PDB file of N, CA and C in Angstrom:
ATOM      1  N   UNK A   1       0.544  -1.368  -0.144  1.00  0.00           N
ATOM      2  CA  UNK A   1      -0.235  -0.026   0.032  1.00  0.00           C
ATOM      3  C   UNK A   1       0.458   1.245  -0.093  1.00  0.00           C
ATOM      4  N   UNK A   2       2.201   1.245   0.196  1.00  0.00           N
ATOM      5  CA  UNK A   2       3.197   2.235   0.358  1.00  0.00           C
ATOM      6  C   UNK A   2       2.936   2.903  -0.938  1.00  0.00           C
ATOM      7  N   UNK A   3       2.878   2.391  -2.419  1.00  0.00           N
ATOM      8  CA  UNK A   3       2.755   3.036  -3.452  1.00  0.00           C
ATOM      9  C   UNK A   3       1.617   3.671  -3.685  1.00  0.00           C
ATOM     10  N   UNK A   4       0.572   3.394  -3.113  1.00  0.00           N
ATOM     11  CA  UNK A   4      -0.555   3.875  -3.201  1.00  0.00           C
ATOM     12  C   UNK A   4      -0.744   5.540  -2.403  1.00  0.00           C
ATOM     13  N   UNK A   5       0.232   5.455  -1.145  1.00  0.00           N
ATOM     14  CA  UNK A   5       0.255   6.361  -0.415  1.00  0.00           C
ATOM     15  C   UNK A   5       1.189   7.742  -1.132  1.00  0.00           C
ATOM     16  N   UNK A   6       2.123   6.891  -1.677  1.00  0.00           N
ATOM     17  CA  UNK A   6       3.120   8.057  -2.581  1.00  0.00           C
ATOM     18  C   UNK A   6       2.578   8.837  -3.586  1.00  0.00           C
ATOM     19  N   UNK A   7       1.547   8.025  -4.176  1.00  0.00           N
ATOM     20  CA  UNK A   7       0.991   8.132  -5.681  1.00  0.00           C
ATOM     21  C   UNK A   7       0.190   9.227  -5.215  1.00  0.00           C
ATOM     22  N   UNK A   8      -1.262   9.541  -4.087  1.00  0.00           N
ATOM     23  CA  UNK A   8      -1.611   9.925  -3.556  1.00  0.00           C
ATOM     24  C   UNK A   8      -0.847  11.467  -3.321  1.00  0.00           C
ATOM     25  N   UNK A   9       0.233  11.114  -2.430  1.00  0.00           N
ATOM     26  CA  UNK A   9       1.084  12.495  -2.032  1.00  0.00           C
ATOM     27  C   UNK A   9       1.740  13.365  -3.387  1.00  0.00           C
ATOM     28  N   UNK A  10       1.740  12.324  -4.552  1.00  0.00           N
ATOM     29  CA  UNK A  10       2.354  13.375  -5.363  1.00  0.00           C
ATOM     30  C   UNK A  10       1.288  14.097  -5.933  1.00  0.00           C
ATOM     31  N   UNK A  11       0.032  13.417  -6.279  1.00  0.00           N
ATOM     32  CA  UNK A  11      -0.929  13.955  -6.842  1.00  0.00           C
ATOM     33  C   UNK A  11      -1.605  15.187  -6.224  1.00  0.00           C
ATOM     34  N   UNK A  12      -1.501  15.267  -4.987  1.00  0.00           N
ATOM     35  CA  UNK A  12      -1.588  16.341  -3.971  1.00  0.00           C
ATOM     36  C   UNK A  12      -0.667  17.374  -3.885  1.00  0.00           C
ATOM     37  N   UNK A  13       0.440  17.268  -4.100  1.00  0.00           N
ATOM     38  CA  UNK A  13       1.632  17.649  -4.199  1.00  0.00           C
ATOM     39  C   UNK A  13       1.607  18.765  -5.900  1.00  0.00           C
ATOM     40  N   UNK A  14       1.204  17.729  -6.697  1.00  0.00           N
ATOM     41  CA  UNK A  14       0.484  18.610  -8.161  1.00  0.00           C
ATOM     42  C   UNK A  14      -0.711  19.371  -8.106  1.00  0.00           C
ATOM     43  N   UNK A  15      -1.533  19.041  -7.258  1.00  0.00           N
ATOM     44  CA  UNK A  15      -2.766  19.974  -7.409  1.00  0.00           C
ATOM     45  C   UNK A  15      -2.313  21.072  -6.571  1.00  0.00           C
ATOM     46  N   UNK A  16      -1.725  21.209  -5.106  1.00  0.00           N
ATOM     47  CA  UNK A  16      -0.848  22.302  -4.755  1.00  0.00           C
ATOM     48  C   UNK A  16      -0.109  23.098  -5.427  1.00  0.00           C
ATOM     49  N   UNK A  17       0.809  22.530  -6.086  1.00  0.00           N
ATOM     50  CA  UNK A  17       1.558  23.769  -7.063  1.00  0.00           C
ATOM     51  C   UNK A  17       0.450  24.024  -8.350  1.00  0.00           C
ATOM     52  N   UNK A  18      -0.002  23.701  -8.814  1.00  0.00           N
ATOM     53  CA  UNK A  18      -1.039  24.154  -9.920  1.00  0.00           C
ATOM     54  C   UNK A  18      -1.991  24.965  -9.049  1.00  0.00           C
ATOM     55  N   UNK A  19      -2.673  24.947  -8.286  1.00  0.00           N
ATOM     56  CA  UNK A  19      -3.143  26.085  -7.639  1.00  0.00           C
ATOM     57  C   UNK A  19      -2.422  27.310  -7.054  1.00  0.00           C
ATOM     58  N   UNK A  20      -1.317  26.989  -6.527  1.00  0.00           N
ATOM     59  CA  UNK A  20      -0.206  28.225  -6.481  1.00  0.00           C
ATOM     60  C   UNK A  20       0.182  28.878  -7.553  1.00  0.00           C
ATOM     61  N   UNK A  21       0.338  28.241  -8.624  1.00  0.00           N
ATOM     62  CA  UNK A  21       0.604  28.877  -9.691  1.00  0.00           C
ATOM     63  C   UNK A  21      -0.325  29.603 -10.370  1.00  0.00           C
ATOM     64  N   UNK A  22      -1.868  28.952 -10.246  1.00  0.00           N
ATOM     65  CA  UNK A  22      -3.280  29.959 -10.839  1.00  0.00           C
ATOM     66  C   UNK A  22      -3.277  31.099  -9.860  1.00  0.00           C
ATOM     67  N   UNK A  23      -3.133  30.872  -8.692  1.00  0.00           N
ATOM     68  CA  UNK A  23      -2.875  32.247  -7.861  1.00  0.00           C
ATOM     69  C   UNK A  23      -1.805  33.508  -7.927  1.00  0.00           C
ATOM     70  N   UNK A  24      -0.869  32.817  -8.529  1.00  0.00           N
ATOM     71  CA  UNK A  24       0.344  33.765  -8.313  1.00  0.00           C
ATOM     72  C   UNK A  24      -0.139  34.373  -9.849  1.00  0.00           C
ATOM     73  N   UNK A  25      -0.915  33.939 -11.286  1.00  0.00           N
ATOM     74  CA  UNK A  25      -0.864  34.128 -12.350  1.00  0.00           C
ATOM     75  C   UNK A  25      -2.026  35.582 -12.183  1.00  0.00           C
ATOM     76  N   UNK A  26      -2.927  35.262 -10.839  1.00  0.00           N
ATOM     77  CA  UNK A  26      -3.989  36.116 -10.819  1.00  0.00           C
ATOM     78  C   UNK A  26      -3.461  37.505  -9.565  1.00  0.00           C
ATOM     79  N   UNK A  27      -2.150  37.492  -9.629  1.00  0.00           N
ATOM     80  CA  UNK A  27      -1.290  38.339  -8.837  1.00  0.00           C
ATOM     81  C   UNK A  27      -1.363  38.357  -6.965  1.00  0.00           C
ATOM     82  N   UNK A  28      -1.591  37.185  -6.910  1.00  0.00           N
ATOM     83  CA  UNK A  28      -1.648  36.772  -5.177  1.00  0.00           C
ATOM     84  C   UNK A  28       0.256  37.061  -5.039  1.00  0.00           C
ATOM     85  N   UNK A  29       0.450  37.286  -3.413  1.00  0.00           N
ATOM     86  CA  UNK A  29       1.413  37.635  -3.178  1.00  0.00           C
ATOM     87  C   UNK A  29       1.912  36.015  -2.713  1.00  0.00           C
ATOM     88  N   UNK A  30       3.214  35.847  -2.071  1.00  0.00           N
ATOM     89  CA  UNK A  30       3.384  34.106  -1.849  1.00  0.00           C
ATOM     90  C   UNK A  30       2.666  34.249  -0.661  1.00  0.00           C
ATOM     91  N   UNK A  31       2.781  35.392   0.439  1.00  0.00           N
ATOM     92  CA  UNK A  31       2.162  35.208   1.488  1.00  0.00           C
ATOM     93  C   UNK A  31       0.197  35.148   1.295  1.00  0.00           C
ATOM     94  N   UNK A  32      -0.106  35.370   0.233  1.00  0.00           N
ATOM     95  CA  UNK A  32      -1.606  35.323   0.343  1.00  0.00           C
ATOM     96  C   UNK A  32      -1.477  33.909  -0.133  1.00  0.00           C
ATOM     97  N   UNK A  33      -0.826  33.391  -0.828  1.00  0.00           N
ATOM     98  CA  UNK A  33      -0.866  32.262  -1.640  1.00  0.00           C
ATOM     99  C   UNK A  33      -0.642  31.096  -0.418  1.00  0.00           C
ATOM    100  N   UNK A  34       0.284  31.467   0.625  1.00  0.00           N
ATOM    101  CA  UNK A  34       0.405  30.542   1.583  1.00  0.00           C
ATOM    102  C   UNK A  34      -0.808  30.546   2.136  1.00  0.00           C
ATOM    103  N   UNK A  35      -1.843  31.570   2.786  1.00  0.00           N
ATOM    104  CA  UNK A  35      -2.671  31.567   3.285  1.00  0.00           C
ATOM    105  C   UNK A  35      -4.107  31.040   2.572  1.00  0.00           C
ATOM    106  N   UNK A  36      -4.169  31.045   1.366  1.00  0.00           N
ATOM    107  CA  UNK A  36      -5.008  30.295   0.461  1.00  0.00           C
ATOM    108  C   UNK A  36      -4.850  29.051   0.421  1.00  0.00           C
ATOM    109  N   UNK A  37      -3.522  28.240   0.132  1.00  0.00           N
ATOM    110  CA  UNK A  37      -3.610  26.597   0.496  1.00  0.00           C
ATOM    111  C   UNK A  37      -3.785  26.275   1.187  1.00  0.00           C
ATOM    112  N   UNK A  38      -3.489  27.083   2.598  1.00  0.00           N
ATOM    113  CA  UNK A  38      -4.000  26.413   4.118  1.00  0.00           C
ATOM    114  C   UNK A  38      -5.237  26.237   3.988  1.00  0.00           C
ATOM    115  N   UNK A  39      -6.097  27.107   3.770  1.00  0.00           N
ATOM    116  CA  UNK A  39      -7.603  27.392   3.834  1.00  0.00           C
ATOM    117  C   UNK A  39      -8.467  26.223   3.010  1.00  0.00           C
ATOM    118  N   UNK A  40      -7.677  26.486   1.691  1.00  0.00           N
ATOM    119  CA  UNK A  40      -8.480  25.863   0.793  1.00  0.00           C
ATOM    120  C   UNK A  40      -8.342  24.292   0.572  1.00  0.00           C
ATOM    121  N   UNK A  41      -6.720  23.775   0.981  1.00  0.00           N
ATOM    122  CA  UNK A  41      -6.368  22.289   0.596  1.00  0.00           C
ATOM    123  C   UNK A  41      -6.251  21.973   1.832  1.00  0.00           C
ATOM    124  N   UNK A  42      -6.071  22.590   3.203  1.00  0.00           N
ATOM    125  CA  UNK A  42      -6.372  22.248   4.679  1.00  0.00           C
ATOM    126  C   UNK A  42      -5.154  21.735   5.049  1.00  0.00           C
ATOM    127  N   UNK A  43      -3.932  22.761   4.538  1.00  0.00           N
ATOM    128  CA  UNK A  43      -2.585  21.970   4.390  1.00  0.00           C
ATOM    129  C   UNK A  43      -2.092  23.019   5.977  1.00  0.00           C
ATOM    130  N   UNK A  44      -1.512  21.849   7.032  1.00  0.00           N
ATOM    131  CA  UNK A  44      -1.718  22.797   8.125  1.00  0.00           C
ATOM    132  C   UNK A  44      -0.390  23.450   8.452  1.00  0.00           C
ATOM    133  N   UNK A  45       0.808  23.502   7.757  1.00  0.00           N
ATOM    134  CA  UNK A  45       1.690  23.974   7.700  1.00  0.00           C
ATOM    135  C   UNK A  45       2.654  23.957   6.260  1.00  0.00           C
ATOM    136  N   UNK A  46       2.605  25.903   5.644  1.00  0.00           N
ATOM    137  CA  UNK A  46       2.346  25.917   4.187  1.00  0.00           C
ATOM    138  C   UNK A  46       2.934  27.514   4.293  1.00  0.00           C
ATOM    139  N   UNK A  47       4.593  27.570   4.268  1.00  0.00           N
ATOM    140  CA  UNK A  47       5.115  28.912   4.300  1.00  0.00           C
ATOM    141  C   UNK A  47       4.790  29.910   2.975  1.00  0.00           C
ATOM    142  N   UNK A  48       5.553  31.214   3.386  1.00  0.00           N
ATOM    143  CA  UNK A  48       5.562  31.818   1.917  1.00  0.00           C
ATOM    144  C   UNK A  48       6.881  31.141   1.214  1.00  0.00           C
ATOM    145  N   UNK A  49       7.992  30.745   1.947  1.00  0.00           N
ATOM    146  CA  UNK A  49       8.943  29.903   1.279  1.00  0.00           C
ATOM    147  C   UNK A  49       8.640  28.642   0.539  1.00  0.00           C
ATOM    148  N   UNK A  50       7.401  27.732   0.872  1.00  0.00           N
ATOM    149  CA  UNK A  50       6.795  26.765  -0.064  1.00  0.00           C
ATOM    150  C   UNK A  50       6.235  27.215  -1.187  1.00  0.00           C
ATOM    151  N   UNK A  51       5.099  28.311  -1.040  1.00  0.00           N
ATOM    152  CA  UNK A  51       4.472  28.622  -1.736  1.00  0.00           C
ATOM    153  C   UNK A  51       5.546  29.154  -3.349  1.00  0.00           C
ATOM    154  N   UNK A  52       6.297  29.537  -2.547  1.00  0.00           N
ATOM    155  CA  UNK A  52       7.341  30.420  -3.840  1.00  0.00           C
ATOM    156  C   UNK A  52       8.170  29.034  -4.540  1.00  0.00           C
ATOM    157  N   UNK A  53       8.079  27.781  -3.582  1.00  0.00           N
ATOM    158  CA  UNK A  53       9.145  27.403  -4.166  1.00  0.00           C
ATOM    159  C   UNK A  53       8.028  25.787  -5.106  1.00  0.00           C
ATOM    160  N   UNK A  54       6.698  25.987  -4.972  1.00  0.00           N
ATOM    161  CA  UNK A  54       5.482  25.302  -5.520  1.00  0.00           C
ATOM    162  C   UNK A  54       5.264  26.334  -6.852  1.00  0.00           C
ATOM    163  N   UNK A  55       5.596  27.182  -6.862  1.00  0.00           N
ATOM    164  CA  UNK A  55       5.262  28.091  -8.183  1.00  0.00           C
ATOM    165  C   UNK A  55       6.166  27.808  -8.728  1.00  0.00           C
ATOM    166  N   UNK A  56       7.787  28.196  -8.241  1.00  0.00           N
ATOM    167  CA  UNK A  56       8.840  27.867  -9.265  1.00  0.00           C
ATOM    168  C   UNK A  56       8.942  26.365  -9.827  1.00  0.00           C
ATOM    169  N   UNK A  57       8.400  25.487  -9.137  1.00  0.00           N
ATOM    170  CA  UNK A  57       8.318  24.097 -10.083  1.00  0.00           C
ATOM    171  C   UNK A  57       7.248  24.152 -10.493  1.00  0.00           C
ATOM    172  N   UNK A  58       6.191  24.223 -10.446  1.00  0.00           N
ATOM    173  CA  UNK A  58       5.129  24.720 -11.489  1.00  0.00           C
ATOM    174  C   UNK A  58       5.540  25.366 -12.721  1.00  0.00           C
ATOM    175  N   UNK A  59       6.458  26.614 -12.644  1.00  0.00           N
ATOM    176  CA  UNK A  59       7.152  27.252 -14.170  1.00  0.00           C
ATOM    177  C   UNK A  59       8.240  26.345 -14.356  1.00  0.00           C
ATOM    178  N   UNK A  60       8.824  25.351 -13.580  1.00  0.00           N
ATOM    179  CA  UNK A  60      10.265  24.618 -14.531  1.00  0.00           C
ATOM    180  C   UNK A  60       8.967  23.458 -15.090  1.00  0.00           C
ATOM    181  N   UNK A  61       7.842  22.777 -14.640  1.00  0.00           N
ATOM    182  CA  UNK A  61       7.356  22.051 -15.468  1.00  0.00           C
ATOM    183  C   UNK A  61       6.695  22.451 -16.532  1.00  0.00           C
ATOM    184  N   UNK A  62       6.696  23.595 -16.503  1.00  0.00           N
ATOM    185  CA  UNK A  62       5.754  24.135 -17.897  1.00  0.00           C
ATOM    186  C   UNK A  62       7.038  24.690 -19.109  1.00  0.00           C
ATOM    187  N   UNK A  63       8.222  24.597 -18.670  1.00  0.00           N
ATOM    188  CA  UNK A  63       9.158  24.940 -19.619  1.00  0.00           C
ATOM    189  C   UNK A  63       9.575  23.798 -20.120  1.00  0.00           C
ATOM    190  N   UNK A  64       9.466  22.735 -19.234  1.00  0.00           N
ATOM    191  CA  UNK A  64      10.191  21.376 -19.836  1.00  0.00           C
ATOM    192  C   UNK A  64       8.827  21.151 -20.758  1.00  0.00           C
ATOM    193  N   UNK A  65       7.398  20.684 -20.292  1.00  0.00           N
ATOM    194  CA  UNK A  65       6.799  20.732 -21.239  1.00  0.00           C
ATOM    195  C   UNK A  65       6.809  21.360 -22.949  1.00  0.00           C
ATOM    196  N   UNK A  66       6.720  22.599 -22.552  1.00  0.00           N
ATOM    197  CA  UNK A  66       7.482  23.352 -23.643  1.00  0.00           C
ATOM    198  C   UNK A  66       8.495  22.961 -24.474  1.00  0.00           C
ATOM    199  N   UNK A  67       9.045  22.638 -24.108  1.00  0.00           N
ATOM    200  CA  UNK A  67      10.523  22.313 -24.529  1.00  0.00           C
ATOM    201  C   UNK A  67      10.324  20.987 -25.269  1.00  0.00           C
ATOM    202  N   UNK A  68       9.679  20.198 -24.451  1.00  0.00           N
ATOM    203  CA  UNK A  68       9.237  18.725 -25.358  1.00  0.00           C
ATOM    204  C   UNK A  68       8.763  18.958 -26.622  1.00  0.00           C
ATOM    205  N   UNK A  69       7.338  20.077 -26.662  1.00  0.00           N
ATOM    206  CA  UNK A  69       6.780  20.218 -27.333  1.00  0.00           C
ATOM    207  C   UNK A  69       7.512  20.616 -28.898  1.00  0.00           C
ATOM    208  N   UNK A  70       8.123  21.764 -28.508  1.00  0.00           N
ATOM    209  CA  UNK A  70       8.858  22.453 -29.778  1.00  0.00           C
ATOM    210  C   UNK A  70       9.919  21.225 -29.977  1.00  0.00           C
ATOM    211  N   UNK A  71      10.161  20.578 -29.363  1.00  0.00           N
ATOM    212  CA  UNK A  71      11.128  19.926 -29.899  1.00  0.00           C
ATOM    213  C   UNK A  71      10.410  18.609 -30.929  1.00  0.00           C
ATOM    214  N   UNK A  72       9.413  18.215 -30.416  1.00  0.00           N
ATOM    215  CA  UNK A  72       8.224  17.231 -31.238  1.00  0.00           C
ATOM    216  C   UNK A  72       7.993  17.821 -32.528  1.00  0.00           C
ATOM    217  N   UNK A  73       7.838  19.214 -32.145  1.00  0.00           N
ATOM    218  CA  UNK A  73       6.974  19.679 -33.917  1.00  0.00           C
ATOM    219  C   UNK A  73       8.463  19.965 -34.684  1.00  0.00           C
ATOM    220  N   UNK A  74       9.549  20.161 -33.870  1.00  0.00           N
ATOM    221  CA  UNK A  74      11.111  20.415 -34.847  1.00  0.00           C
ATOM    222  C   UNK A  74      10.723  18.486 -35.741  1.00  0.00           C
ATOM    223  N   UNK A  75      11.123  17.747 -34.844  1.00  0.00           N
ATOM    224  CA  UNK A  75      10.729  16.304 -35.442  1.00  0.00           C
ATOM    225  C   UNK A  75       9.855  16.198 -36.588  1.00  0.00           C
ATOM    226  N   UNK A  76       8.791  16.296 -36.449  1.00  0.00           N
ATOM    227  CA  UNK A  76       7.537  16.533 -37.478  1.00  0.00           C
ATOM    228  C   UNK A  76       7.609  17.320 -38.423  1.00  0.00           C
ATOM    229  N   UNK A  77       8.074  18.365 -38.301  1.00  0.00           N
ATOM    230  CA  UNK A  77       8.721  19.246 -39.248  1.00  0.00           C
ATOM    231  C   UNK A  77       9.616  18.751 -40.328  1.00  0.00           C
ATOM    232  N   UNK A  78      11.027  18.529 -39.827  1.00  0.00           N
ATOM    233  CA  UNK A  78      11.632  17.662 -40.505  1.00  0.00           C
ATOM    234  C   UNK A  78      11.690  16.630 -41.313  1.00  0.00           C
ATOM    235  N   UNK A  79      10.396  15.700 -40.198  1.00  0.00           N
ATOM    236  CA  UNK A  79      10.178  14.166 -40.992  1.00  0.00           C
ATOM    237  C   UNK A  79       9.612  14.358 -42.339  1.00  0.00           C
ATOM    238  N   UNK A  80       8.431  15.947 -42.279  1.00  0.00           N
ATOM    239  CA  UNK A  80       7.418  16.504 -43.518  1.00  0.00           C
ATOM    240  C   UNK A  80       8.402  16.332 -44.425  1.00  0.00           C
ATOM    241  N   UNK A  81       9.715  17.413 -44.285  1.00  0.00           N
ATOM    242  CA  UNK A  81      10.475  18.149 -45.234  1.00  0.00           C
ATOM    243  C   UNK A  81      11.460  17.063 -45.897  1.00  0.00           C
ATOM    244  N   UNK A  82      11.644  15.913 -45.156  1.00  0.00           N
ATOM    245  CA  UNK A  82      12.072  14.516 -45.771  1.00  0.00           C
ATOM    246  C   UNK A  82      11.197  13.771 -46.602  1.00  0.00           C
ATOM    247  N   UNK A  83       9.957  13.476 -46.153  1.00  0.00           N
ATOM    248  CA  UNK A  83       9.399  13.340 -47.436  1.00  0.00           C
ATOM    249  C   UNK A  83       8.923  13.923 -48.465  1.00  0.00           C
ATOM    250  N   UNK A  84       8.603  15.291 -48.217  1.00  0.00           N
ATOM    251  CA  UNK A  84       8.665  15.913 -49.457  1.00  0.00           C
ATOM    252  C   UNK A  84       9.650  16.258 -50.484  1.00  0.00           C
ATOM    253  N   UNK A  85      11.093  15.887 -49.979  1.00  0.00           N
ATOM    254  CA  UNK A  85      11.987  15.480 -50.844  1.00  0.00           C
ATOM    255  C   UNK A  85      12.153  14.474 -51.424  1.00  0.00           C
ATOM    256  N   UNK A  86      11.858  13.656 -51.275  1.00  0.00           N
ATOM    257  CA  UNK A  86      11.746  12.053 -51.525  1.00  0.00           C
ATOM    258  C   UNK A  86      10.602  12.111 -52.529  1.00  0.00           C
ATOM    259  N   UNK A  87       9.595  12.600 -52.445  1.00  0.00           N
ATOM    260  CA  UNK A  87       8.525  13.105 -53.183  1.00  0.00           C
ATOM    261  C   UNK A  87       9.133  13.378 -54.462  1.00  0.00           C
ATOM    262  N   UNK A  88       9.829  14.797 -54.242  1.00  0.00           N
ATOM    263  CA  UNK A  88       9.760  15.599 -55.519  1.00  0.00           C
ATOM    264  C   UNK A  88      10.752  15.024 -56.445  1.00  0.00           C
TER     265      UNK A  88
END
């Protein structure tokens, strides 16, 4: 059952990070984010520093996903051009 607990913990962290980023995009301070997360998600100990870390981690995940999407786009375009060259 330990895997189930870890999986739920990871989901909770992902949800918390997503909410923290959403609040930051709306202009909330890290203090306000910490307060909101504590109230909305029932997190007993959640500091401004943790709010900052969560927002930073969420932004890093977005950067990584954007990079992967760009790499996939380039790969598809090169493949398309290779096919066009063979057909011409």
